[in-house]
Amino acid sequence: MFTIEEDFHSWLMDQAAALRARDYESLDWDHLAEELELMGARERRELRSELKILLLHLLKLKFQPGLRHRQHSWRNSIVEVREQIGDIIKDSPGIFQGKRDEVLADVYLRARDKAARESRLPRGTFPETCPWTFEQIIDSDFFPGVTKT
């Protein structure tokens, strides 16, 4: 048996084998619990990161209409990020832990700041609070500022 400090990957495999064998004496309970919590935290960070990218590109579509030549790139990014977010939520429907609106509000503020920095537009150009619902944000047909042709 490996310890977590000696060889993390081997420790993981040992712990998985012990779980399957129901060898409770060989389980490193405290470290297992900590690793499970860290896995959840990594997944939440990934979701927040994907949401930030999505909101950033939605803001650019809406508030940088002069850059029509970039719209195709932003739309492609939006489609990809929506797929990533959809996969995360499908695999972990409880990932928001009942705090979806709070997460969205926090991530929006970061996306807003980044949109202002990248566009060099005044931060006041962008709404102080997210102008879209979560349902709109993940809707595959929602592209604010883009007229359908």
N, C-alpha and C. Protein backbone atom coordinates (compact mmCIF):
# COMPACT_ATOMS: atom_id res chain seq x y z
N MET A 1 0.84 -1.18 0.00
CA MET A 1 0.00 0.00 0.00
C MET A 1 0.89 1.25 0.00
N PHE A 2 0.49 2.19 -0.82
CA PHE A 2 1.20 3.46 -0.92
C PHE A 2 0.50 4.50 -0.04
N THR A 3 1.27 5.47 0.41
CA THR A 3 0.66 6.60 1.10
C THR A 3 0.45 7.71 0.08
N ILE A 4 -0.43 8.62 0.41
CA ILE A 4 -0.73 9.73 -0.49
C ILE A 4 0.52 10.58 -0.73
N GLU A 5 1.39 10.67 0.26
CA GLU A 5 2.60 11.48 0.14
C GLU A 5 3.65 10.81 -0.75
N GLU A 6 3.68 9.48 -0.80
CA GLU A 6 4.69 8.75 -1.57
C GLU A 6 4.40 8.79 -3.08
N ASP A 7 3.17 8.45 -3.42
CA ASP A 7 2.81 8.32 -4.84
C ASP A 7 1.30 8.47 -4.95
N PHE A 8 0.87 9.67 -5.33
CA PHE A 8 -0.56 9.98 -5.34
C PHE A 8 -1.35 9.02 -6.24
N HIS A 9 -0.87 8.78 -7.45
CA HIS A 9 -1.60 7.92 -8.39
C HIS A 9 -1.71 6.49 -7.85
N SER A 10 -0.61 5.96 -7.36
CA SER A 10 -0.66 4.60 -6.81
C SER A 10 -1.57 4.55 -5.59
N TRP A 11 -1.54 5.60 -4.77
CA TRP A 11 -2.43 5.67 -3.61
C TRP A 11 -3.89 5.63 -4.07
N LEU A 12 -4.21 6.39 -5.12
CA LEU A 12 -5.58 6.38 -5.65
C LEU A 12 -6.00 4.98 -6.08
N MET A 13 -5.13 4.31 -6.81
CA MET A 13 -5.45 2.97 -7.30
C MET A 13 -5.61 2.00 -6.13
N ASP A 14 -4.74 2.11 -5.12
CA ASP A 14 -4.87 1.27 -3.93
C ASP A 14 -6.20 1.53 -3.22
N GLN A 15 -6.57 2.80 -3.11
CA GLN A 15 -7.81 3.14 -2.42
C GLN A 15 -9.02 2.63 -3.20
N ALA A 16 -8.98 2.75 -4.53
CA ALA A 16 -10.08 2.24 -5.36
C ALA A 16 -10.20 0.73 -5.20
N ALA A 17 -9.07 0.03 -5.20
CA ALA A 17 -9.09 -1.42 -5.03
C ALA A 17 -9.64 -1.80 -3.65
N ALA A 18 -9.23 -1.06 -2.63
CA ALA A 18 -9.72 -1.33 -1.27
C ALA A 18 -11.23 -1.09 -1.18
N LEU A 19 -11.70 -0.05 -1.82
CA LEU A 19 -13.15 0.21 -1.83
C LEU A 19 -13.90 -0.92 -2.50
N ARG A 20 -13.42 -1.34 -3.67
CA ARG A 20 -14.10 -2.43 -4.40
C ARG A 20 -14.09 -3.74 -3.60
N ALA A 21 -13.00 -3.97 -2.88
CA ALA A 21 -12.88 -5.19 -2.08
C ALA A 21 -13.57 -5.07 -0.73
N ARG A 22 -14.09 -3.89 -0.47
CA ARG A 22 -14.72 -3.63 0.83
C ARG A 22 -13.74 -3.88 1.99
N ASP A 23 -12.48 -3.53 1.70
CA ASP A 23 -11.40 -3.67 2.67
C ASP A 23 -11.30 -2.37 3.46
N TYR A 24 -12.20 -2.21 4.40
CA TYR A 24 -12.33 -0.95 5.13
C TYR A 24 -11.10 -0.62 5.97
N GLU A 25 -10.39 -1.62 6.40
CA GLU A 25 -9.19 -1.38 7.21
C GLU A 25 -8.08 -0.73 6.41
N SER A 26 -8.07 -0.93 5.09
CA SER A 26 -7.01 -0.37 4.25
C SER A 26 -7.33 1.03 3.73
N LEU A 27 -8.53 1.50 4.01
CA LEU A 27 -8.92 2.81 3.50
C LEU A 27 -8.31 3.94 4.33
N ASP A 28 -7.85 4.94 3.63
CA ASP A 28 -7.28 6.15 4.23
C ASP A 28 -8.43 7.17 4.31
N TRP A 29 -9.29 6.98 5.29
CA TRP A 29 -10.56 7.70 5.37
C TRP A 29 -10.43 9.21 5.28
N ASP A 30 -9.55 9.79 6.07
CA ASP A 30 -9.42 11.25 6.10
C ASP A 30 -8.95 11.81 4.76
N HIS A 31 -7.94 11.17 4.18
CA HIS A 31 -7.44 11.64 2.90
C HIS A 31 -8.46 11.41 1.78
N LEU A 32 -9.18 10.29 1.85
CA LEU A 32 -10.22 10.05 0.85
C LEU A 32 -11.29 11.14 0.90
N ALA A 33 -11.72 11.48 2.09
CA ALA A 33 -12.74 12.53 2.24
C ALA A 33 -12.21 13.86 1.70
N GLU A 34 -10.96 14.16 2.02
CA GLU A 34 -10.36 15.41 1.54
C GLU A 34 -10.26 15.42 0.02
N GLU A 35 -9.86 14.32 -0.58
CA GLU A 35 -9.74 14.26 -2.04
C GLU A 35 -11.11 14.38 -2.71
N LEU A 36 -12.13 13.80 -2.13
CA LEU A 36 -13.48 13.93 -2.69
C LEU A 36 -13.93 15.38 -2.65
N GLU A 37 -13.67 16.06 -1.54
CA GLU A 37 -14.02 17.48 -1.45
C GLU A 37 -13.24 18.31 -2.46
N LEU A 38 -11.97 17.99 -2.65
CA LEU A 38 -11.16 18.71 -3.63
C LEU A 38 -11.66 18.47 -5.05
N MET A 39 -12.11 17.25 -5.33
CA MET A 39 -12.68 16.95 -6.65
C MET A 39 -13.90 17.82 -6.90
N GLY A 40 -14.76 17.94 -5.92
CA GLY A 40 -15.95 18.77 -6.06
C GLY A 40 -15.58 20.23 -6.26
N ALA A 41 -14.59 20.71 -5.53
CA ALA A 41 -14.15 22.10 -5.66
C ALA A 41 -13.57 22.36 -7.05
N ARG A 42 -12.78 21.41 -7.57
CA ARG A 42 -12.22 21.56 -8.92
C ARG A 42 -13.33 21.63 -9.97
N GLU A 43 -14.33 20.79 -9.80
CA GLU A 43 -15.44 20.80 -10.74
C GLU A 43 -16.20 22.12 -10.69
N ARG A 44 -16.42 22.67 -9.49
CA ARG A 44 -17.09 23.97 -9.37
C ARG A 44 -16.25 25.08 -9.98
N ARG A 45 -14.92 25.03 -9.79
CA ARG A 45 -14.04 26.04 -10.41
C ARG A 45 -14.10 25.95 -11.93
N GLU A 46 -14.14 24.73 -12.45
CA GLU A 46 -14.23 24.55 -13.90
C GLU A 46 -15.54 25.14 -14.43
N LEU A 47 -16.63 24.88 -13.72
CA LEU A 47 -17.91 25.43 -14.14
C LEU A 47 -17.88 26.95 -14.12
N ARG A 48 -17.34 27.53 -13.07
CA ARG A 48 -17.26 28.99 -12.96
C ARG A 48 -16.40 29.57 -14.09
N SER A 49 -15.32 28.91 -14.40
CA SER A 49 -14.45 29.36 -15.49
C SER A 49 -15.18 29.32 -16.83
N GLU A 50 -15.89 28.25 -17.09
CA GLU A 50 -16.64 28.13 -18.34
C GLU A 50 -17.76 29.17 -18.41
N LEU A 51 -18.44 29.40 -17.29
CA LEU A 51 -19.49 30.42 -17.26
C LEU A 51 -18.92 31.81 -17.53
N LYS A 52 -17.74 32.08 -16.99
CA LYS A 52 -17.11 33.39 -17.21
C LYS A 52 -16.80 33.59 -18.70
N ILE A 53 -16.26 32.57 -19.33
CA ILE A 53 -15.97 32.66 -20.77
C ILE A 53 -17.26 32.88 -21.55
N LEU A 54 -18.28 32.14 -21.20
CA LEU A 54 -19.57 32.27 -21.88
C LEU A 54 -20.12 33.68 -21.73
N LEU A 55 -20.15 34.19 -20.52
CA LEU A 55 -20.68 35.53 -20.29
C LEU A 55 -19.83 36.60 -20.98
N LEU A 56 -18.52 36.42 -20.96
CA LEU A 56 -17.63 37.37 -21.63
C LEU A 56 -17.98 37.47 -23.11
N HIS A 57 -18.15 36.35 -23.76
CA HIS A 57 -18.45 36.38 -25.20
C HIS A 57 -19.87 36.84 -25.49
N LEU A 58 -20.79 36.56 -24.60
CA LEU A 58 -22.14 37.10 -24.77
C LEU A 58 -22.12 38.63 -24.64
N LEU A 59 -21.34 39.13 -23.69
CA LEU A 59 -21.21 40.58 -23.54
C LEU A 59 -20.58 41.21 -24.78
N LYS A 60 -19.56 40.58 -25.30
CA LYS A 60 -18.90 41.11 -26.50
C LYS A 60 -19.87 41.14 -27.68
N LEU A 61 -20.64 40.08 -27.83
CA LEU A 61 -21.62 40.07 -28.93
C LEU A 61 -22.60 41.22 -28.79
N LYS A 62 -23.06 41.43 -27.58
CA LYS A 62 -24.09 42.44 -27.34
C LYS A 62 -23.55 43.86 -27.40
N PHE A 63 -22.38 44.09 -26.84
CA PHE A 63 -21.92 45.46 -26.63
C PHE A 63 -20.75 45.90 -27.50
N GLN A 64 -20.29 45.04 -28.39
CA GLN A 64 -19.25 45.44 -29.33
C GLN A 64 -19.74 45.19 -30.76
N PRO A 65 -20.82 45.82 -31.14
CA PRO A 65 -21.37 45.56 -32.47
C PRO A 65 -20.45 45.99 -33.60
N GLY A 66 -19.50 46.88 -33.33
CA GLY A 66 -18.59 47.34 -34.37
C GLY A 66 -17.60 46.27 -34.81
N LEU A 67 -17.53 45.20 -34.06
CA LEU A 67 -16.57 44.14 -34.40
C LEU A 67 -17.29 42.94 -35.01
N ARG A 68 -18.07 43.19 -36.03
CA ARG A 68 -18.84 42.13 -36.68
C ARG A 68 -17.95 40.98 -37.16
N HIS A 69 -16.71 41.33 -37.56
CA HIS A 69 -15.80 40.30 -38.06
C HIS A 69 -15.42 39.28 -36.98
N ARG A 70 -15.59 39.61 -35.71
CA ARG A 70 -15.28 38.70 -34.61
C ARG A 70 -16.47 37.87 -34.17
N GLN A 71 -17.66 38.22 -34.63
CA GLN A 71 -18.86 37.53 -34.17
C GLN A 71 -18.82 36.03 -34.42
N HIS A 72 -18.31 35.62 -35.56
CA HIS A 72 -18.26 34.20 -35.87
C HIS A 72 -17.41 33.46 -34.83
N SER A 73 -16.26 34.03 -34.50
CA SER A 73 -15.38 33.42 -33.50
C SER A 73 -16.06 33.36 -32.13
N TRP A 74 -16.69 34.47 -31.74
CA TRP A 74 -17.38 34.49 -30.44
C TRP A 74 -18.51 33.49 -30.40
N ARG A 75 -19.27 33.40 -31.49
CA ARG A 75 -20.38 32.44 -31.54
C ARG A 75 -19.86 31.02 -31.41
N ASN A 76 -18.77 30.70 -32.10
CA ASN A 76 -18.20 29.36 -31.99
C ASN A 76 -17.77 29.06 -30.57
N SER A 77 -17.14 30.04 -29.93
CA SER A 77 -16.74 29.88 -28.54
C SER A 77 -17.95 29.67 -27.64
N ILE A 78 -19.00 30.43 -27.87
CA ILE A 78 -20.23 30.30 -27.08
C ILE A 78 -20.81 28.90 -27.21
N VAL A 79 -20.86 28.39 -28.43
CA VAL A 79 -21.39 27.04 -28.66
C VAL A 79 -20.56 26.00 -27.90
N GLU A 80 -19.24 26.11 -28.02
CA GLU A 80 -18.34 25.16 -27.35
C GLU A 80 -18.49 25.22 -25.83
N VAL A 81 -18.50 26.43 -25.29
CA VAL A 81 -18.59 26.58 -23.84
C VAL A 81 -19.95 26.10 -23.33
N ARG A 82 -20.99 26.36 -24.07
CA ARG A 82 -22.31 25.85 -23.66
C ARG A 82 -22.31 24.33 -23.60
N GLU A 83 -21.63 23.70 -24.54
CA GLU A 83 -21.54 22.23 -24.52
C GLU A 83 -20.79 21.77 -23.27
N GLN A 84 -19.68 22.45 -22.94
CA GLN A 84 -18.91 22.10 -21.75
C GLN A 84 -19.76 22.25 -20.48
N ILE A 85 -20.46 23.37 -20.39
CA ILE A 85 -21.31 23.62 -19.22
C ILE A 85 -22.42 22.56 -19.15
N GLY A 86 -23.02 22.26 -20.29
CA GLY A 86 -24.06 21.24 -20.33
C GLY A 86 -23.55 19.89 -19.86
N ASP A 87 -22.33 19.53 -20.27
CA ASP A 87 -21.75 18.26 -19.83
C ASP A 87 -21.52 18.24 -18.33
N ILE A 88 -21.00 19.34 -17.80
CA ILE A 88 -20.75 19.42 -16.36
C ILE A 88 -22.06 19.27 -15.59
N ILE A 89 -23.09 20.00 -16.02
CA ILE A 89 -24.37 19.96 -15.31
C ILE A 89 -25.04 18.59 -15.47
N LYS A 90 -24.90 17.98 -16.63
CA LYS A 90 -25.47 16.64 -16.84
C LYS A 90 -24.82 15.63 -15.90
N ASP A 91 -23.49 15.71 -15.78
CA ASP A 91 -22.77 14.79 -14.90
C ASP A 91 -22.98 15.11 -13.42
N SER A 92 -23.19 16.37 -13.10
CA SER A 92 -23.30 16.81 -11.70
C SER A 92 -24.43 17.81 -11.55
N PRO A 93 -25.69 17.35 -11.62
CA PRO A 93 -26.81 18.29 -11.57
C PRO A 93 -26.88 19.12 -10.28
N GLY A 94 -26.26 18.68 -9.22
CA GLY A 94 -26.29 19.43 -7.96
C GLY A 94 -25.10 20.34 -7.77
N ILE A 95 -24.35 20.60 -8.83
CA ILE A 95 -23.08 21.33 -8.70
C ILE A 95 -23.25 22.74 -8.14
N PHE A 96 -24.39 23.35 -8.38
CA PHE A 96 -24.59 24.72 -7.88
C PHE A 96 -24.92 24.75 -6.38
N GLN A 97 -25.21 23.60 -5.81
CA GLN A 97 -25.53 23.48 -4.40
C GLN A 97 -26.62 24.45 -3.97
N GLY A 98 -27.61 24.64 -4.85
CA GLY A 98 -28.72 25.54 -4.55
C GLY A 98 -28.38 27.01 -4.64
N LYS A 99 -27.20 27.34 -5.20
CA LYS A 99 -26.75 28.72 -5.24
C LYS A 99 -26.49 29.19 -6.68
N ARG A 100 -27.28 28.72 -7.61
CA ARG A 100 -27.05 29.04 -9.01
C ARG A 100 -27.07 30.54 -9.28
N ASP A 101 -28.05 31.25 -8.76
CA ASP A 101 -28.15 32.69 -9.01
C ASP A 101 -26.99 33.46 -8.40
N GLU A 102 -26.54 33.03 -7.21
CA GLU A 102 -25.40 33.69 -6.57
C GLU A 102 -24.12 33.45 -7.37
N VAL A 103 -23.93 32.22 -7.85
CA VAL A 103 -22.76 31.91 -8.66
C VAL A 103 -22.77 32.73 -9.95
N LEU A 104 -23.93 32.78 -10.59
CA LEU A 104 -24.05 33.53 -11.84
C LEU A 104 -23.74 35.01 -11.61
N ALA A 105 -24.26 35.58 -10.53
CA ALA A 105 -24.02 37.01 -10.24
C ALA A 105 -22.53 37.27 -10.01
N ASP A 106 -21.88 36.41 -9.28
CA ASP A 106 -20.45 36.58 -8.99
C ASP A 106 -19.62 36.43 -10.27
N VAL A 107 -19.90 35.40 -11.04
CA VAL A 107 -19.15 35.17 -12.27
C VAL A 107 -19.41 36.29 -13.28
N TYR A 108 -20.63 36.79 -13.31
CA TYR A 108 -20.94 37.89 -14.23
C TYR A 108 -20.07 39.11 -13.94
N LEU A 109 -19.90 39.45 -12.67
CA LEU A 109 -19.08 40.62 -12.34
C LEU A 109 -17.65 40.47 -12.85
N ARG A 110 -17.12 39.26 -12.76
CA ARG A 110 -15.77 39.01 -13.27
C ARG A 110 -15.74 39.09 -14.80
N ALA A 111 -16.76 38.56 -15.44
CA ALA A 111 -16.84 38.63 -16.90
C ALA A 111 -17.00 40.07 -17.36
N ARG A 112 -17.78 40.83 -16.62
CA ARG A 112 -17.98 42.25 -16.94
C ARG A 112 -16.66 43.01 -16.87
N ASP A 113 -15.91 42.79 -15.80
CA ASP A 113 -14.61 43.44 -15.65
C ASP A 113 -13.67 43.06 -16.79
N LYS A 114 -13.66 41.78 -17.13
CA LYS A 114 -12.78 41.34 -18.20
C LYS A 114 -13.23 41.90 -19.54
N ALA A 115 -14.53 41.97 -19.77
CA ALA A 115 -15.04 42.55 -21.02
C ALA A 115 -14.61 44.01 -21.15
N ALA A 116 -14.68 44.74 -20.05
CA ALA A 116 -14.26 46.15 -20.08
C ALA A 116 -12.77 46.26 -20.37
N ARG A 117 -11.97 45.41 -19.73
CA ARG A 117 -10.51 45.44 -19.96
C ARG A 117 -10.18 45.09 -21.42
N GLU A 118 -10.77 44.01 -21.91
CA GLU A 118 -10.44 43.55 -23.26
C GLU A 118 -10.95 44.48 -24.35
N SER A 119 -12.13 45.04 -24.13
CA SER A 119 -12.73 45.89 -25.16
C SER A 119 -12.23 47.34 -25.08
N ARG A 120 -11.68 47.68 -23.92
CA ARG A 120 -11.28 49.05 -23.63
C ARG A 120 -12.47 50.01 -23.63
N LEU A 121 -13.64 49.44 -23.42
CA LEU A 121 -14.85 50.25 -23.25
C LEU A 121 -15.00 50.55 -21.76
N PRO A 122 -15.64 51.66 -21.43
CA PRO A 122 -15.87 51.94 -20.00
C PRO A 122 -16.70 50.82 -19.37
N ARG A 123 -16.36 50.49 -18.13
CA ARG A 123 -17.10 49.42 -17.45
C ARG A 123 -18.59 49.72 -17.43
N GLY A 124 -18.95 50.99 -17.36
CA GLY A 124 -20.36 51.38 -17.35
C GLY A 124 -21.10 51.03 -18.64
N THR A 125 -20.36 50.67 -19.68
CA THR A 125 -20.99 50.22 -20.93
C THR A 125 -21.79 48.95 -20.69
N PHE A 126 -21.32 48.16 -19.76
CA PHE A 126 -21.93 46.86 -19.48
C PHE A 126 -22.83 46.95 -18.25
N PRO A 127 -23.97 46.30 -18.28
CA PRO A 127 -24.88 46.36 -17.13
C PRO A 127 -24.21 45.91 -15.83
N GLU A 128 -24.63 46.51 -14.73
CA GLU A 128 -24.05 46.18 -13.43
C GLU A 128 -24.41 44.77 -12.98
N THR A 129 -25.58 44.32 -13.38
CA THR A 129 -25.99 42.95 -13.06
C THR A 129 -26.26 42.22 -14.37
N CYS A 130 -26.19 40.93 -14.30
CA CYS A 130 -26.35 40.12 -15.50
C CYS A 130 -27.71 40.39 -16.15
N PRO A 131 -27.71 40.78 -17.42
CA PRO A 131 -28.96 41.13 -18.08
C PRO A 131 -29.76 39.92 -18.59
N TRP A 132 -29.21 38.73 -18.38
CA TRP A 132 -29.88 37.53 -18.90
C TRP A 132 -30.12 36.51 -17.80
N THR A 133 -31.12 35.70 -18.00
CA THR A 133 -31.38 34.60 -17.07
C THR A 133 -30.42 33.45 -17.37
N PHE A 134 -30.29 32.55 -16.43
CA PHE A 134 -29.45 31.38 -16.66
C PHE A 134 -29.98 30.58 -17.85
N GLU A 135 -31.28 30.49 -17.96
CA GLU A 135 -31.88 29.74 -19.06
C GLU A 135 -31.51 30.36 -20.41
N GLN A 136 -31.50 31.69 -20.49
CA GLN A 136 -31.09 32.36 -21.72
C GLN A 136 -29.62 32.08 -22.01
N ILE A 137 -28.80 32.18 -20.99
CA ILE A 137 -27.37 32.02 -21.16
C ILE A 137 -27.01 30.66 -21.76
N ILE A 138 -27.71 29.62 -21.32
CA ILE A 138 -27.37 28.29 -21.82
C ILE A 138 -28.21 27.87 -23.02
N ASP A 139 -29.15 28.71 -23.44
CA ASP A 139 -30.00 28.42 -24.60
C ASP A 139 -29.16 28.42 -25.88
N SER A 140 -29.18 27.33 -26.60
CA SER A 140 -28.33 27.19 -27.79
C SER A 140 -28.69 28.17 -28.90
N ASP A 141 -29.86 28.79 -28.85
CA ASP A 141 -30.27 29.74 -29.87
C ASP A 141 -30.13 31.20 -29.44
N PHE A 142 -29.63 31.42 -28.24
CA PHE A 142 -29.55 32.78 -27.70
C PHE A 142 -28.19 33.41 -28.01
N PHE A 143 -28.21 34.46 -28.83
CA PHE A 143 -27.02 35.23 -29.19
C PHE A 143 -27.39 36.70 -29.16
N PRO A 144 -27.27 37.37 -28.01
CA PRO A 144 -27.70 38.77 -27.90
C PRO A 144 -26.90 39.68 -28.82
N GLY A 145 -27.63 40.62 -29.42
CA GLY A 145 -26.98 41.58 -30.28
C GLY A 145 -26.80 41.10 -31.71
N VAL A 146 -27.14 39.85 -31.96
CA VAL A 146 -27.00 39.30 -33.32
C VAL A 146 -28.38 39.12 -33.90
N THR A 147 -28.61 39.74 -35.03
CA THR A 147 -29.90 39.59 -35.69
C THR A 147 -29.88 38.35 -36.55
N LYS A 148 -30.96 37.61 -36.47
CA LYS A 148 -31.09 36.41 -37.28
C LYS A 148 -31.31 36.79 -38.73
N THR A 149 -30.62 36.09 -39.61
CA THR A 149 -30.77 36.37 -41.04
C THR A 149 -31.30 35.15 -41.74
